[in-house]
Amino acid sequence: MEPTISKGSYIIGNRILGTLRRGDVVIFELDGHMVVKRIAGVPEDRIWIVGQGKKVFINADEVHTTGSDPKYFLTVPPDHYFMLGDNVNDSIDSRYWDNPFVHRDQIKAKWFG
């Protein structure tokens, strides 16, 4: 989550989540680890992943690419979220996970920084 949250920082999250919105930073459980990422896609958003994950388009009507960049299209299911790290070039996030979506029940807190 650098540069928003520095490596080694302690963070406090609010367990009363309320409405989760695109842009919220959340703490969630993934494969037995607590992870911090930003919500990039909310339920029913259309996600285009282009060029081996380097470009992400949310709800774009048309996606322009150069050459033969592969394109992947996903729709965020109900009660799920698509996550990105703020350091997009060096983040292991929804673009690279086997299951790209985080269920609402996995989200433990929202960060108010």
C-alpha atoms as a PDB file:
ATOM      1  CA  MET A   1       0.000   0.000   0.000  1.00  0.00           C
ATOM      2  CA  GLU A   2       2.994   2.293  -0.285  1.00  0.00           C
ATOM      3  CA  PRO A   3       3.104   5.258  -0.595  1.00  0.00           C
ATOM      4  CA  THR A   4      -0.236   5.631   1.258  1.00  0.00           C
ATOM      5  CA  ILE A   5       0.835   3.374   4.132  1.00  0.00           C
ATOM      6  CA  SER A   6       4.561   2.897   4.742  1.00  0.00           C
ATOM      7  CA  LYS A   7       6.002  -0.590   5.093  1.00  0.00           C
ATOM      8  CA  GLY A   8       6.114  -1.661   8.751  1.00  0.00           C
ATOM      9  CA  SER A   9       3.388   0.785   9.822  1.00  0.00           C
ATOM     10  CA  TYR A  10       0.760  -0.114  12.371  1.00  0.00           C
ATOM     11  CA  ILE A  11      -2.739   0.749  11.269  1.00  0.00           C
ATOM     12  CA  ILE A  12      -6.062   0.980  13.028  1.00  0.00           C
ATOM     13  CA  GLY A  13      -9.248  -0.018  11.270  1.00  0.00           C
ATOM     14  CA  ASN A  14     -12.901   0.431  12.153  1.00  0.00           C
ATOM     15  CA  ARG A  15     -14.748  -2.898  12.389  1.00  0.00           C
ATOM     16  CA  ILE A  16     -18.063  -1.139  11.819  1.00  0.00           C
ATOM     17  CA  LEU A  17     -17.823  -1.224   8.042  1.00  0.00           C
ATOM     18  CA  GLY A  18     -21.060   0.385   6.906  1.00  0.00           C
ATOM     19  CA  THR A  19     -21.192   0.924   3.155  1.00  0.00           C
ATOM     20  CA  LEU A  20     -18.069  -0.095   1.282  1.00  0.00           C
ATOM     21  CA  ARG A  21     -17.207   2.146  -1.653  1.00  0.00           C
ATOM     22  CA  ARG A  22     -14.680   2.262  -4.455  1.00  0.00           C
ATOM     23  CA  GLY A  23     -11.578   3.937  -3.037  1.00  0.00           C
ATOM     24  CA  ASP A  24     -11.940   2.662   0.548  1.00  0.00           C
ATOM     25  CA  VAL A  25      -8.842   1.080   2.084  1.00  0.00           C
ATOM     26  CA  VAL A  26      -9.815  -2.151   3.824  1.00  0.00           C
ATOM     27  CA  ILE A  27      -8.213  -4.877   5.916  1.00  0.00           C
ATOM     28  CA  PHE A  28      -9.266  -8.389   4.947  1.00  0.00           C
ATOM     29  CA  GLU A  29      -8.298 -12.004   5.418  1.00  0.00           C
ATOM     30  CA  LEU A  30      -6.809 -13.841   2.455  1.00  0.00           C
ATOM     31  CA  ASP A  31      -5.275 -17.309   2.673  1.00  0.00           C
ATOM     32  CA  GLY A  32      -4.803 -17.002   6.444  1.00  0.00           C
ATOM     33  CA  HIS A  33      -3.116 -13.565   6.275  1.00  0.00           C
ATOM     34  CA  MET A  34      -4.424 -10.079   7.002  1.00  0.00           C
ATOM     35  CA  VAL A  35      -4.040  -7.927   3.877  1.00  0.00           C
ATOM     36  CA  VAL A  36      -4.516  -4.189   3.245  1.00  0.00           C
ATOM     37  CA  LYS A  37      -5.679  -3.026  -0.204  1.00  0.00           C
ATOM     38  CA  ARG A  38      -7.903  -0.397  -1.809  1.00  0.00           C
ATOM     39  CA  ILE A  39     -11.325  -1.299  -3.213  1.00  0.00           C
ATOM     40  CA  ALA A  40     -11.142  -0.702  -6.968  1.00  0.00           C
ATOM     41  CA  GLY A  41     -14.279  -2.551  -8.025  1.00  0.00           C
ATOM     42  CA  VAL A  42     -17.624  -2.915  -6.271  1.00  0.00           C
ATOM     43  CA  PRO A  43     -20.442  -5.378  -7.058  1.00  0.00           C
ATOM     44  CA  GLU A  44     -21.521  -5.320 -10.721  1.00  0.00           C
ATOM     45  CA  ASP A  45     -18.518  -3.236 -11.852  1.00  0.00           C
ATOM     46  CA  ARG A  46     -16.978  -4.334 -15.149  1.00  0.00           C
ATOM     47  CA  ILE A  47     -13.212  -4.833 -14.942  1.00  0.00           C
ATOM     48  CA  TRP A  48     -10.883  -4.986 -17.967  1.00  0.00           C
ATOM     49  CA  ILE A  49      -7.335  -6.231 -17.291  1.00  0.00           C
ATOM     50  CA  VAL A  50      -4.923  -5.509 -20.131  1.00  0.00           C
ATOM     51  CA  GLY A  51      -1.244  -6.177 -20.796  1.00  0.00           C
ATOM     52  CA  GLN A  52      -0.441  -8.846 -18.208  1.00  0.00           C
ATOM     53  CA  GLY A  53      -2.218  -6.908 -15.473  1.00  0.00           C
ATOM     54  CA  LYS A  54      -0.397  -3.616 -15.934  1.00  0.00           C
ATOM     55  CA  LYS A  55      -3.531  -1.710 -16.990  1.00  0.00           C
ATOM     56  CA  VAL A  56      -6.934  -1.916 -15.318  1.00  0.00           C
ATOM     57  CA  PHE A  57     -10.089  -0.221 -16.584  1.00  0.00           C
ATOM     58  CA  ILE A  58     -13.218  -0.003 -14.426  1.00  0.00           C
ATOM     59  CA  ASN A  59     -16.591   0.320 -16.197  1.00  0.00           C
ATOM     60  CA  ALA A  60     -14.994   1.416 -19.470  1.00  0.00           C
ATOM     61  CA  ASP A  61     -17.319   1.285 -22.475  1.00  0.00           C
ATOM     62  CA  GLU A  62     -14.412   0.641 -24.802  1.00  0.00           C
ATOM     63  CA  VAL A  63     -10.850  -0.386 -24.036  1.00  0.00           C
ATOM     64  CA  HIS A  64      -8.082   0.681 -26.431  1.00  0.00           C
ATOM     65  CA  THR A  65      -4.903  -1.351 -26.474  1.00  0.00           C
ATOM     66  CA  THR A  66      -1.822  -1.461 -28.616  1.00  0.00           C
ATOM     67  CA  GLY A  67      -0.530  -4.464 -30.471  1.00  0.00           C
ATOM     68  CA  SER A  68      -1.696  -7.820 -29.240  1.00  0.00           C
ATOM     69  CA  ASP A  69      -2.109  -7.025 -25.519  1.00  0.00           C
ATOM     70  CA  PRO A  70      -4.306  -9.713 -24.007  1.00  0.00           C
ATOM     71  CA  LYS A  71      -7.585  -8.487 -22.512  1.00  0.00           C
ATOM     72  CA  TYR A  72      -9.470 -10.119 -19.657  1.00  0.00           C
ATOM     73  CA  PHE A  73     -12.994  -9.100 -18.740  1.00  0.00           C
ATOM     74  CA  LEU A  74     -14.511  -9.703 -15.300  1.00  0.00           C
ATOM     75  CA  THR A  75     -17.732  -8.635 -13.621  1.00  0.00           C
ATOM     76  CA  VAL A  76     -17.606  -8.211  -9.847  1.00  0.00           C
ATOM     77  CA  PRO A  77     -20.216 -10.563  -8.325  1.00  0.00           C
ATOM     78  CA  PRO A  78     -22.697  -9.510  -5.619  1.00  0.00           C
ATOM     79  CA  ASP A  79     -21.134  -9.085  -2.140  1.00  0.00           C
ATOM     80  CA  HIS A  80     -17.604  -9.155  -3.615  1.00  0.00           C
ATOM     81  CA  TYR A  81     -14.879  -6.568  -4.293  1.00  0.00           C
ATOM     82  CA  PHE A  82     -11.916  -6.205  -6.656  1.00  0.00           C
ATOM     83  CA  MET A  83      -8.789  -4.959  -4.850  1.00  0.00           C
ATOM     84  CA  LEU A  84      -5.720  -3.038  -5.997  1.00  0.00           C
ATOM     85  CA  GLY A  85      -2.664  -1.898  -4.073  1.00  0.00           C
ATOM     86  CA  ASP A  86      -1.661   1.758  -4.303  1.00  0.00           C
ATOM     87  CA  ASN A  87       1.794   0.838  -5.620  1.00  0.00           C
ATOM     88  CA  VAL A  88       0.237  -0.607  -8.782  1.00  0.00           C
ATOM     89  CA  ASN A  89       3.524  -1.567 -10.447  1.00  0.00           C
ATOM     90  CA  ASP A  90       4.651  -3.655  -7.458  1.00  0.00           C
ATOM     91  CA  SER A  91       1.434  -4.899  -5.844  1.00  0.00           C
ATOM     92  CA  ILE A  92       0.208  -8.470  -5.644  1.00  0.00           C
ATOM     93  CA  ASP A  93      -3.543  -7.895  -5.740  1.00  0.00           C
ATOM     94  CA  SER A  94      -6.769  -9.009  -7.466  1.00  0.00           C
ATOM     95  CA  ARG A  95      -5.051  -8.897 -10.868  1.00  0.00           C
ATOM     96  CA  TYR A  96      -2.870 -11.854  -9.909  1.00  0.00           C
ATOM     97  CA  TRP A  97      -4.917 -13.953  -7.440  1.00  0.00           C
ATOM     98  CA  ASP A  98      -6.511 -17.229  -8.548  1.00  0.00           C
ATOM     99  CA  ASN A  99      -9.840 -15.855  -7.304  1.00  0.00           C
ATOM    100  CA  PRO A 100      -9.729 -12.109  -8.062  1.00  0.00           C
ATOM    101  CA  PHE A 101     -12.611 -11.202  -5.746  1.00  0.00           C
ATOM    102  CA  VAL A 102     -12.830 -10.679  -1.980  1.00  0.00           C
ATOM    103  CA  HIS A 103     -16.160 -11.541  -0.349  1.00  0.00           C
ATOM    104  CA  ARG A 104     -17.614  -8.978   2.059  1.00  0.00           C
ATOM    105  CA  ASP A 105     -17.344 -11.531   4.915  1.00  0.00           C
ATOM    106  CA  GLN A 106     -13.543 -11.589   4.453  1.00  0.00           C
ATOM    107  CA  ILE A 107     -13.313  -7.828   5.100  1.00  0.00           C
ATOM    108  CA  LYS A 108     -12.553  -7.229   8.777  1.00  0.00           C
ATOM    109  CA  ALA A 109     -12.153  -3.424   8.949  1.00  0.00           C
ATOM    110  CA  LYS A 110     -12.013  -0.164   7.024  1.00  0.00           C
ATOM    111  CA  TRP A 111      -9.012   2.131   7.441  1.00  0.00           C
ATOM    112  CA  PHE A 112      -9.608   5.797   8.174  1.00  0.00           C
ATOM    113  CA  GLY A 113      -6.208   7.347   7.563  1.00  0.00           C
END
